[in-house]
Amino acid sequence: YEAVCCLSEQSLAIARGSSNKSPALEEPMSLLYDMNDCYSKLRELVPGIPQGTKVSQVEILQHVIDYIFDLQIVLEEGAKGRDPSSEATLLSLK
């Protein structure tokens, strides 16, 4: 949970911009570092991404997508064994 909160706070900071400069004046290198930080965080959070080997950003995104699909399947299977009101909760999360 802390990792997700931390990631959410970082995402908000990136989206809002951490400086008072206008977006046109924002340093392209700082944006690149922010993106690299996000990919590094995804690499830490998503299981199955090989550690200690070079993985492209596209491969990281593919692992993230696969992981999200896997989580959705687990949630749907878990909801099948519960009462119908939990199914409505699951659908509202999508």
PDB file of N, CA and C in Angstrom:
ATOM      1  N   TYR A   1       0.826  -1.198   0.000  1.00  0.00           N
ATOM      2  CA  TYR A   1       0.000   0.000   0.000  1.00  0.00           C
ATOM      3  C   TYR A   1       0.866   1.255   0.000  1.00  0.00           C
ATOM      4  N   GLU A   2       1.947   1.245   0.787  1.00  0.00           N
ATOM      5  CA  GLU A   2       2.816   2.420   0.844  1.00  0.00           C
ATOM      6  C   GLU A   2       3.457   2.694  -0.508  1.00  0.00           C
ATOM      7  N   ALA A   3       3.839   1.620  -1.214  1.00  0.00           N
ATOM      8  CA  ALA A   3       4.453   1.798  -2.529  1.00  0.00           C
ATOM      9  C   ALA A   3       3.474   2.439  -3.499  1.00  0.00           C
ATOM     10  N   VAL A   4       2.220   2.033  -3.436  1.00  0.00           N
ATOM     11  CA  VAL A   4       1.207   2.591  -4.324  1.00  0.00           C
ATOM     12  C   VAL A   4       0.974   4.054  -3.995  1.00  0.00           C
ATOM     13  N   CYS A   5       0.890   4.376  -2.707  1.00  0.00           N
ATOM     14  CA  CYS A   5       0.705   5.776  -2.307  1.00  0.00           C
ATOM     15  C   CYS A   5       1.890   6.616  -2.747  1.00  0.00           C
ATOM     16  N   CYS A   6       3.067   6.089  -2.537  1.00  0.00           N
ATOM     17  CA  CYS A   6       4.282   6.794  -2.942  1.00  0.00           C
ATOM     18  C   CYS A   6       4.254   7.035  -4.442  1.00  0.00           C
ATOM     19  N   LEU A   7       3.901   6.011  -5.191  1.00  0.00           N
ATOM     20  CA  LEU A   7       3.843   6.125  -6.635  1.00  0.00           C
ATOM     21  C   LEU A   7       2.789   7.141  -7.044  1.00  0.00           C
ATOM     22  N   SER A   8       1.640   7.141  -6.373  1.00  0.00           N
ATOM     23  CA  SER A   8       0.585   8.093  -6.697  1.00  0.00           C
ATOM     24  C   SER A   8       1.039   9.520  -6.442  1.00  0.00           C
ATOM     25  N   GLU A   9       1.724   9.736  -5.334  1.00  0.00           N
ATOM     26  CA  GLU A   9       2.224  11.075  -5.032  1.00  0.00           C
ATOM     27  C   GLU A   9       3.250  11.512  -6.068  1.00  0.00           C
ATOM     28  N   GLN A  10       4.123  10.589  -6.488  1.00  0.00           N
ATOM     29  CA  GLN A  10       5.104  10.915  -7.518  1.00  0.00           C
ATOM     30  C   GLN A  10       4.411  11.231  -8.834  1.00  0.00           C
ATOM     31  N   SER A  11       3.379  10.469  -9.162  1.00  0.00           N
ATOM     32  CA  SER A  11       2.650  10.696 -10.407  1.00  0.00           C
ATOM     33  C   SER A  11       1.994  12.069 -10.401  1.00  0.00           C
ATOM     34  N   LEU A  12       1.401  12.431  -9.277  1.00  0.00           N
ATOM     35  CA  LEU A  12       0.781  13.752  -9.177  1.00  0.00           C
ATOM     36  C   LEU A  12       1.816  14.855  -9.301  1.00  0.00           C
ATOM     37  N   ALA A  13       2.962  14.662  -8.676  1.00  0.00           N
ATOM     38  CA  ALA A  13       4.017  15.670  -8.754  1.00  0.00           C
ATOM     39  C   ALA A  13       4.504  15.829 -10.187  1.00  0.00           C
ATOM     40  N   ILE A  14       4.634  14.722 -10.897  1.00  0.00           N
ATOM     41  CA  ILE A  14       5.070  14.782 -12.287  1.00  0.00           C
ATOM     42  C   ILE A  14       4.010  15.474 -13.138  1.00  0.00           C
ATOM     43  N   ALA A  15       2.752  15.120 -12.928  1.00  0.00           N
ATOM     44  CA  ALA A  15       1.668  15.694 -13.721  1.00  0.00           C
ATOM     45  C   ALA A  15       1.531  17.192 -13.485  1.00  0.00           C
ATOM     46  N   ARG A  16       1.701  17.611 -12.242  1.00  0.00           N
ATOM     47  CA  ARG A  16       1.564  19.034 -11.911  1.00  0.00           C
ATOM     48  C   ARG A  16       2.807  19.821 -12.276  1.00  0.00           C
ATOM     49  N   GLY A  17       3.931  19.162 -12.343  1.00  0.00           N
ATOM     50  CA  GLY A  17       5.192  19.844 -12.601  1.00  0.00           C
ATOM     51  C   GLY A  17       5.782  20.305 -11.295  1.00  0.00           C
ATOM     52  N   SER A  18       7.052  20.067 -11.134  1.00  0.00           N
ATOM     53  CA  SER A  18       7.683  20.380  -9.857  1.00  0.00           C
ATOM     54  C   SER A  18       8.291  21.769  -9.834  1.00  0.00           C
ATOM     55  N   SER A  19       8.238  22.480 -10.936  1.00  0.00           N
ATOM     56  CA  SER A  19       8.831  23.810 -10.952  1.00  0.00           C
ATOM     57  C   SER A  19       7.782  24.845 -11.328  1.00  0.00           C
ATOM     58  N   ASN A  20       8.151  26.099 -11.186  1.00  0.00           N
ATOM     59  CA  ASN A  20       7.241  27.192 -11.523  1.00  0.00           C
ATOM     60  C   ASN A  20       7.388  27.626 -12.974  1.00  0.00           C
ATOM     61  N   LYS A  21       8.252  26.944 -13.721  1.00  0.00           N
ATOM     62  CA  LYS A  21       8.463  27.294 -15.118  1.00  0.00           C
ATOM     63  C   LYS A  21       7.240  26.904 -15.933  1.00  0.00           C
ATOM     64  N   SER A  22       7.071  27.584 -17.046  1.00  0.00           N
ATOM     65  CA  SER A  22       5.999  27.175 -17.956  1.00  0.00           C
ATOM     66  C   SER A  22       6.399  25.863 -18.619  1.00  0.00           C
ATOM     67  N   PRO A  23       5.416  25.076 -19.068  1.00  0.00           N
ATOM     68  CA  PRO A  23       5.741  23.789 -19.689  1.00  0.00           C
ATOM     69  C   PRO A  23       6.682  23.917 -20.882  1.00  0.00           C
ATOM     70  N   ALA A  24       6.593  25.020 -21.614  1.00  0.00           N
ATOM     71  CA  ALA A  24       7.462  25.203 -22.772  1.00  0.00           C
ATOM     72  C   ALA A  24       8.920  25.352 -22.365  1.00  0.00           C
ATOM     73  N   LEU A  25       9.153  25.856 -21.150  1.00  0.00           N
ATOM     74  CA  LEU A  25      10.517  26.060 -20.677  1.00  0.00           C
ATOM     75  C   LEU A  25      11.054  24.878 -19.880  1.00  0.00           C
ATOM     76  N   GLU A  26      10.213  23.879 -19.643  1.00  0.00           N
ATOM     77  CA  GLU A  26      10.632  22.716 -18.858  1.00  0.00           C
ATOM     78  C   GLU A  26      11.798  22.028 -19.556  1.00  0.00           C
ATOM     79  N   GLU A  27      12.787  21.638 -18.774  1.00  0.00           N
ATOM     80  CA  GLU A  27      13.955  20.961 -19.317  1.00  0.00           C
ATOM     81  C   GLU A  27      13.570  19.585 -19.850  1.00  0.00           C
ATOM     82  N   PRO A  28      13.857  19.296 -21.105  1.00  0.00           N
ATOM     83  CA  PRO A  28      13.547  17.962 -21.638  1.00  0.00           C
ATOM     84  C   PRO A  28      14.270  16.849 -20.879  1.00  0.00           C
ATOM     85  N   MET A  29      15.471  17.120 -20.395  1.00  0.00           N
ATOM     86  CA  MET A  29      16.216  16.091 -19.666  1.00  0.00           C
ATOM     87  C   MET A  29      15.544  15.754 -18.342  1.00  0.00           C
ATOM     88  N   SER A  30      14.958  16.745 -17.669  1.00  0.00           N
ATOM     89  CA  SER A  30      14.294  16.452 -16.400  1.00  0.00           C
ATOM     90  C   SER A  30      13.047  15.606 -16.636  1.00  0.00           C
ATOM     91  N   LEU A  31      12.354  15.850 -17.743  1.00  0.00           N
ATOM     92  CA  LEU A  31      11.201  15.013 -18.084  1.00  0.00           C
ATOM     93  C   LEU A  31      11.643  13.587 -18.383  1.00  0.00           C
ATOM     94  N   LEU A  32      12.776  13.454 -19.051  1.00  0.00           N
ATOM     95  CA  LEU A  32      13.311  12.130 -19.350  1.00  0.00           C
ATOM     96  C   LEU A  32      13.657  11.398 -18.063  1.00  0.00           C
ATOM     97  N   TYR A  33      14.270  12.119 -17.108  1.00  0.00           N
ATOM     98  CA  TYR A  33      14.609  11.487 -15.830  1.00  0.00           C
ATOM     99  C   TYR A  33      13.347  11.079 -15.081  1.00  0.00           C
ATOM    100  N   ASP A  34      12.302  11.907 -15.133  1.00  0.00           N
ATOM    101  CA  ASP A  34      11.038  11.555 -14.485  1.00  0.00           C
ATOM    102  C   ASP A  34      10.463  10.280 -15.093  1.00  0.00           C
ATOM    103  N   MET A  35      10.490  10.173 -16.415  1.00  0.00           N
ATOM    104  CA  MET A  35       9.982   8.971 -17.083  1.00  0.00           C
ATOM    105  C   MET A  35      10.828   7.761 -16.711  1.00  0.00           C
ATOM    106  N   ASN A  36      12.135   7.933 -16.679  1.00  0.00           N
ATOM    107  CA  ASN A  36      13.010   6.823 -16.300  1.00  0.00           C
ATOM    108  C   ASN A  36      12.741   6.387 -14.867  1.00  0.00           C
ATOM    109  N   ASP A  37      12.477   7.351 -13.985  1.00  0.00           N
ATOM    110  CA  ASP A  37      12.131   7.016 -12.598  1.00  0.00           C
ATOM    111  C   ASP A  37      10.837   6.209 -12.551  1.00  0.00           C
ATOM    112  N   CYS A  38       9.868   6.591 -13.373  1.00  0.00           N
ATOM    113  CA  CYS A  38       8.595   5.856 -13.414  1.00  0.00           C
ATOM    114  C   CYS A  38       8.803   4.434 -13.916  1.00  0.00           C
ATOM    115  N   TYR A  39       9.605   4.263 -14.944  1.00  0.00           N
ATOM    116  CA  TYR A  39       9.889   2.911 -15.442  1.00  0.00           C
ATOM    117  C   TYR A  39      10.637   2.091 -14.394  1.00  0.00           C
ATOM    118  N   SER A  40      11.550   2.726 -13.675  1.00  0.00           N
ATOM    119  CA  SER A  40      12.270   2.017 -12.608  1.00  0.00           C
ATOM    120  C   SER A  40      11.311   1.571 -11.517  1.00  0.00           C
ATOM    121  N   LYS A  41      10.364   2.432 -11.162  1.00  0.00           N
ATOM    122  CA  LYS A  41       9.387   2.082 -10.131  1.00  0.00           C
ATOM    123  C   LYS A  41       8.497   0.936 -10.610  1.00  0.00           C
ATOM    124  N   LEU A  42       8.062   0.978 -11.865  1.00  0.00           N
ATOM    125  CA  LEU A  42       7.268  -0.126 -12.413  1.00  0.00           C
ATOM    126  C   LEU A  42       8.054  -1.428 -12.362  1.00  0.00           C
ATOM    127  N   ARG A  43       9.317  -1.339 -12.675  1.00  0.00           N
ATOM    128  CA  ARG A  43      10.177  -2.527 -12.666  1.00  0.00           C
ATOM    129  C   ARG A  43      10.270  -3.123 -11.264  1.00  0.00           C
ATOM    130  N   GLU A  44      10.295  -2.260 -10.252  1.00  0.00           N
ATOM    131  CA  GLU A  44      10.339  -2.723  -8.856  1.00  0.00           C
ATOM    132  C   GLU A  44       9.014  -3.349  -8.431  1.00  0.00           C
ATOM    133  N   LEU A  45       7.903  -2.776  -8.856  1.00  0.00           N
ATOM    134  CA  LEU A  45       6.590  -3.167  -8.352  1.00  0.00           C
ATOM    135  C   LEU A  45       5.991  -4.393  -9.031  1.00  0.00           C
ATOM    136  N   VAL A  46       6.314  -4.602 -10.292  1.00  0.00           N
ATOM    137  CA  VAL A  46       5.661  -5.672 -11.052  1.00  0.00           C
ATOM    138  C   VAL A  46       6.519  -6.934 -11.017  1.00  0.00           C
ATOM    139  N   PRO A  47       5.964  -8.016 -10.468  1.00  0.00           N
ATOM    140  CA  PRO A  47       6.725  -9.264 -10.438  1.00  0.00           C
ATOM    141  C   PRO A  47       6.857  -9.844 -11.847  1.00  0.00           C
ATOM    142  N   GLY A  48       7.913 -10.582 -12.058  1.00  0.00           N
ATOM    143  CA  GLY A  48       8.113 -11.228 -13.352  1.00  0.00           C
ATOM    144  C   GLY A  48       9.029 -10.472 -14.284  1.00  0.00           C
ATOM    145  N   ILE A  49       9.342  -9.231 -13.951  1.00  0.00           N
ATOM    146  CA  ILE A  49      10.294  -8.488 -14.772  1.00  0.00           C
ATOM    147  C   ILE A  49      11.689  -8.895 -14.304  1.00  0.00           C
ATOM    148  N   PRO A  50      12.516  -9.401 -15.209  1.00  0.00           N
ATOM    149  CA  PRO A  50      13.848  -9.865 -14.800  1.00  0.00           C
ATOM    150  C   PRO A  50      14.676  -8.733 -14.191  1.00  0.00           C
ATOM    151  N   GLN A  51      15.218  -8.996 -13.017  1.00  0.00           N
ATOM    152  CA  GLN A  51      16.074  -8.013 -12.350  1.00  0.00           C
ATOM    153  C   GLN A  51      17.525  -8.265 -12.758  1.00  0.00           C
ATOM    154  N   GLY A  52      18.288  -7.221 -12.891  1.00  0.00           N
ATOM    155  CA  GLY A  52      19.701  -7.355 -13.208  1.00  0.00           C
ATOM    156  C   GLY A  52      19.990  -7.553 -14.687  1.00  0.00           C
ATOM    157  N   THR A  53      18.964  -7.503 -15.513  1.00  0.00           N
ATOM    158  CA  THR A  53      19.169  -7.601 -16.957  1.00  0.00           C
ATOM    159  C   THR A  53      18.534  -6.391 -17.621  1.00  0.00           C
ATOM    160  N   LYS A  54      19.038  -6.059 -18.792  1.00  0.00           N
ATOM    161  CA  LYS A  54      18.500  -4.915 -19.519  1.00  0.00           C
ATOM    162  C   LYS A  54      17.160  -5.298 -20.138  1.00  0.00           C
ATOM    163  N   VAL A  55      16.152  -4.501 -19.841  1.00  0.00           N
ATOM    164  CA  VAL A  55      14.807  -4.718 -20.367  1.00  0.00           C
ATOM    165  C   VAL A  55      14.348  -3.389 -20.962  1.00  0.00           C
ATOM    166  N   SER A  56      13.809  -3.444 -22.169  1.00  0.00           N
ATOM    167  CA  SER A  56      13.364  -2.208 -22.817  1.00  0.00           C
ATOM    168  C   SER A  56      12.109  -1.666 -22.133  1.00  0.00           C
ATOM    169  N   GLN A  57      11.831  -0.403 -22.386  1.00  0.00           N
ATOM    170  CA  GLN A  57      10.641   0.217 -21.817  1.00  0.00           C
ATOM    171  C   GLN A  57       9.378  -0.448 -22.345  1.00  0.00           C
ATOM    172  N   VAL A  58       9.397  -0.876 -23.594  1.00  0.00           N
ATOM    173  CA  VAL A  58       8.244  -1.576 -24.167  1.00  0.00           C
ATOM    174  C   VAL A  58       8.028  -2.895 -23.437  1.00  0.00           C
ATOM    175  N   GLU A  59       9.113  -3.618 -23.140  1.00  0.00           N
ATOM    176  CA  GLU A  59       8.991  -4.878 -22.404  1.00  0.00           C
ATOM    177  C   GLU A  59       8.429  -4.645 -21.005  1.00  0.00           C
ATOM    178  N   ILE A  60       8.859  -3.563 -20.366  1.00  0.00           N
ATOM    179  CA  ILE A  60       8.331  -3.237 -19.039  1.00  0.00           C
ATOM    180  C   ILE A  60       6.828  -3.007 -19.133  1.00  0.00           C
ATOM    181  N   LEU A  61       6.398  -2.230 -20.116  1.00  0.00           N
ATOM    182  CA  LEU A  61       4.965  -1.969 -20.289  1.00  0.00           C
ATOM    183  C   LEU A  61       4.199  -3.251 -20.591  1.00  0.00           C
ATOM    184  N   GLN A  62       4.781  -4.154 -21.374  1.00  0.00           N
ATOM    185  CA  GLN A  62       4.123  -5.432 -21.658  1.00  0.00           C
ATOM    186  C   GLN A  62       3.942  -6.241 -20.377  1.00  0.00           C
ATOM    187  N   HIS A  63       4.971  -6.254 -19.520  1.00  0.00           N
ATOM    188  CA  HIS A  63       4.866  -6.958 -18.239  1.00  0.00           C
ATOM    189  C   HIS A  63       3.790  -6.326 -17.359  1.00  0.00           C
ATOM    190  N   VAL A  64       3.730  -5.002 -17.352  1.00  0.00           N
ATOM    191  CA  VAL A  64       2.729  -4.298 -16.546  1.00  0.00           C
ATOM    192  C   VAL A  64       1.323  -4.657 -17.030  1.00  0.00           C
ATOM    193  N   ILE A  65       1.113  -4.635 -18.338  1.00  0.00           N
ATOM    194  CA  ILE A  65      -0.200  -4.978 -18.898  1.00  0.00           C
ATOM    195  C   ILE A  65      -0.570  -6.413 -18.543  1.00  0.00           C
ATOM    196  N   ASP A  66       0.375  -7.338 -18.716  1.00  0.00           N
ATOM    197  CA  ASP A  66       0.114  -8.745 -18.373  1.00  0.00           C
ATOM    198  C   ASP A  66      -0.233  -8.895 -16.898  1.00  0.00           C
ATOM    199  N   TYR A  67       0.484  -8.171 -16.056  1.00  0.00           N
ATOM    200  CA  TYR A  67       0.250  -8.254 -14.613  1.00  0.00           C
ATOM    201  C   TYR A  67      -1.138  -7.725 -14.257  1.00  0.00           C
ATOM    202  N   ILE A  68      -1.542  -6.636 -14.880  1.00  0.00           N
ATOM    203  CA  ILE A  68      -2.880  -6.082 -14.630  1.00  0.00           C
ATOM    204  C   ILE A  68      -3.952  -7.072 -15.079  1.00  0.00           C
ATOM    205  N   PHE A  69      -3.762  -7.684 -16.246  1.00  0.00           N
ATOM    206  CA  PHE A  69      -4.712  -8.710 -16.703  1.00  0.00           C
ATOM    207  C   PHE A  69      -4.782  -9.864 -15.713  1.00  0.00           C
ATOM    208  N   ASP A  70      -3.625 -10.317 -15.228  1.00  0.00           N
ATOM    209  CA  ASP A  70      -3.597 -11.410 -14.246  1.00  0.00           C
ATOM    210  C   ASP A  70      -4.354 -11.026 -12.978  1.00  0.00           C
ATOM    211  N   LEU A  71      -4.164  -9.794 -12.512  1.00  0.00           N
ATOM    212  CA  LEU A  71      -4.870  -9.332 -11.314  1.00  0.00           C
ATOM    213  C   LEU A  71      -6.377  -9.284 -11.552  1.00  0.00           C
ATOM    214  N   GLN A  72      -6.784  -8.849 -12.739  1.00  0.00           N
ATOM    215  CA  GLN A  72      -8.212  -8.817 -13.061  1.00  0.00           C
ATOM    216  C   GLN A  72      -8.811 -10.217 -13.023  1.00  0.00           C
ATOM    217  N   ILE A  73      -8.091 -11.195 -13.553  1.00  0.00           N
ATOM    218  CA  ILE A  73      -8.574 -12.580 -13.547  1.00  0.00           C
ATOM    219  C   ILE A  73      -8.733 -13.077 -12.119  1.00  0.00           C
ATOM    220  N   VAL A  74      -7.741 -12.798 -11.279  1.00  0.00           N
ATOM    221  CA  VAL A  74      -7.809 -13.228  -9.880  1.00  0.00           C
ATOM    222  C   VAL A  74      -9.000 -12.582  -9.185  1.00  0.00           C
ATOM    223  N   LEU A  75      -9.221 -11.300  -9.422  1.00  0.00           N
ATOM    224  CA  LEU A  75     -10.359 -10.611  -8.813  1.00  0.00           C
ATOM    225  C   LEU A  75     -11.681 -11.196  -9.294  1.00  0.00           C
ATOM    226  N   GLU A  76     -11.781 -11.465 -10.578  1.00  0.00           N
ATOM    227  CA  GLU A  76     -13.021 -12.026 -11.122  1.00  0.00           C
ATOM    228  C   GLU A  76     -13.281 -13.424 -10.576  1.00  0.00           C
ATOM    229  N   GLU A  77     -12.234 -14.244 -10.473  1.00  0.00           N
ATOM    230  CA  GLU A  77     -12.401 -15.592  -9.925  1.00  0.00           C
ATOM    231  C   GLU A  77     -12.782 -15.540  -8.452  1.00  0.00           C
ATOM    232  N   GLY A  78     -12.193 -14.606  -7.724  1.00  0.00           N
ATOM    233  CA  GLY A  78     -12.533 -14.446  -6.311  1.00  0.00           C
ATOM    234  C   GLY A  78     -13.956 -13.975  -6.123  1.00  0.00           C
ATOM    235  N   ALA A  79     -14.432 -13.153  -7.052  1.00  0.00           N
ATOM    236  CA  ALA A  79     -15.791 -12.622  -6.948  1.00  0.00           C
ATOM    237  C   ALA A  79     -16.837 -13.684  -7.253  1.00  0.00           C
ATOM    238  N   LYS A  80     -16.482 -14.708  -8.003  1.00  0.00           N
ATOM    239  CA  LYS A  80     -17.443 -15.766  -8.338  1.00  0.00           C
ATOM    240  C   LYS A  80     -17.894 -16.519  -7.101  1.00  0.00           C
ATOM    241  N   GLY A  81     -17.024 -16.633  -6.116  1.00  0.00           N
ATOM    242  CA  GLY A  81     -17.363 -17.357  -4.903  1.00  0.00           C
ATOM    243  C   GLY A  81     -18.045 -16.510  -3.852  1.00  0.00           C
ATOM    244  N   ARG A  82     -18.288 -15.244  -4.159  1.00  0.00           N
ATOM    245  CA  ARG A  82     -18.895 -14.329  -3.185  1.00  0.00           C
ATOM    246  C   ARG A  82     -20.338 -14.050  -3.561  1.00  0.00           C
ATOM    247  N   ASP A  83     -20.980 -13.240  -2.712  1.00  0.00           N
ATOM    248  CA  ASP A  83     -22.375 -12.895  -2.982  1.00  0.00           C
ATOM    249  C   ASP A  83     -22.470 -11.898  -4.142  1.00  0.00           C
ATOM    250  N   PRO A  84     -23.646 -11.748  -4.747  1.00  0.00           N
ATOM    251  CA  PRO A  84     -23.809 -10.877  -5.922  1.00  0.00           C
ATOM    252  C   PRO A  84     -23.444  -9.416  -5.668  1.00  0.00           C
ATOM    253  N   SER A  85     -23.579  -8.936  -4.454  1.00  0.00           N
ATOM    254  CA  SER A  85     -23.241  -7.532  -4.193  1.00  0.00           C
ATOM    255  C   SER A  85     -21.751  -7.281  -4.365  1.00  0.00           C
ATOM    256  N   SER A  86     -20.922  -8.298  -4.116  1.00  0.00           N
ATOM    257  CA  SER A  86     -19.483  -8.114  -4.312  1.00  0.00           C
ATOM    258  C   SER A  86     -19.150  -8.015  -5.795  1.00  0.00           C
ATOM    259  N   GLU A  87     -19.944  -8.656  -6.647  1.00  0.00           N
ATOM    260  CA  GLU A  87     -19.754  -8.548  -8.095  1.00  0.00           C
ATOM    261  C   GLU A  87     -19.998  -7.109  -8.547  1.00  0.00           C
ATOM    262  N   ALA A  88     -21.001  -6.458  -7.986  1.00  0.00           N
ATOM    263  CA  ALA A  88     -21.274  -5.060  -8.325  1.00  0.00           C
ATOM    264  C   ALA A  88     -20.102  -4.182  -7.910  1.00  0.00           C
ATOM    265  N   THR A  89     -19.505  -4.483  -6.771  1.00  0.00           N
ATOM    266  CA  THR A  89     -18.338  -3.727  -6.321  1.00  0.00           C
ATOM    267  C   THR A  89     -17.185  -3.921  -7.284  1.00  0.00           C
ATOM    268  N   LEU A  90     -16.961  -5.161  -7.721  1.00  0.00           N
ATOM    269  CA  LEU A  90     -15.887  -5.449  -8.662  1.00  0.00           C
ATOM    270  C   LEU A  90     -16.099  -4.696  -9.966  1.00  0.00           C
ATOM    271  N   LEU A  91     -17.316  -4.691 -10.479  1.00  0.00           N
ATOM    272  CA  LEU A  91     -17.598  -3.998 -11.728  1.00  0.00           C
ATOM    273  C   LEU A  91     -17.406  -2.498 -11.592  1.00  0.00           C
ATOM    274  N   SER A  92     -17.702  -1.949 -10.431  1.00  0.00           N
ATOM    275  CA  SER A  92     -17.533  -0.509 -10.242  1.00  0.00           C
ATOM    276  C   SER A  92     -16.066  -0.121 -10.220  1.00  0.00           C
ATOM    277  N   LEU A  93     -15.174  -1.071  -9.922  1.00  0.00           N
ATOM    278  CA  LEU A  93     -13.744  -0.794  -9.919  1.00  0.00           C
ATOM    279  C   LEU A  93     -13.174  -0.742 -11.325  1.00  0.00           C
ATOM    280  N   LYS A  94     -13.861  -1.328 -12.279  1.00  0.00           N
ATOM    281  CA  LYS A  94     -13.349  -1.361 -13.656  1.00  0.00           C
ATOM    282  C   LYS A  94     -13.595  -0.072 -14.294  1.00  0.00           C
TER     283      LYS A  94
END
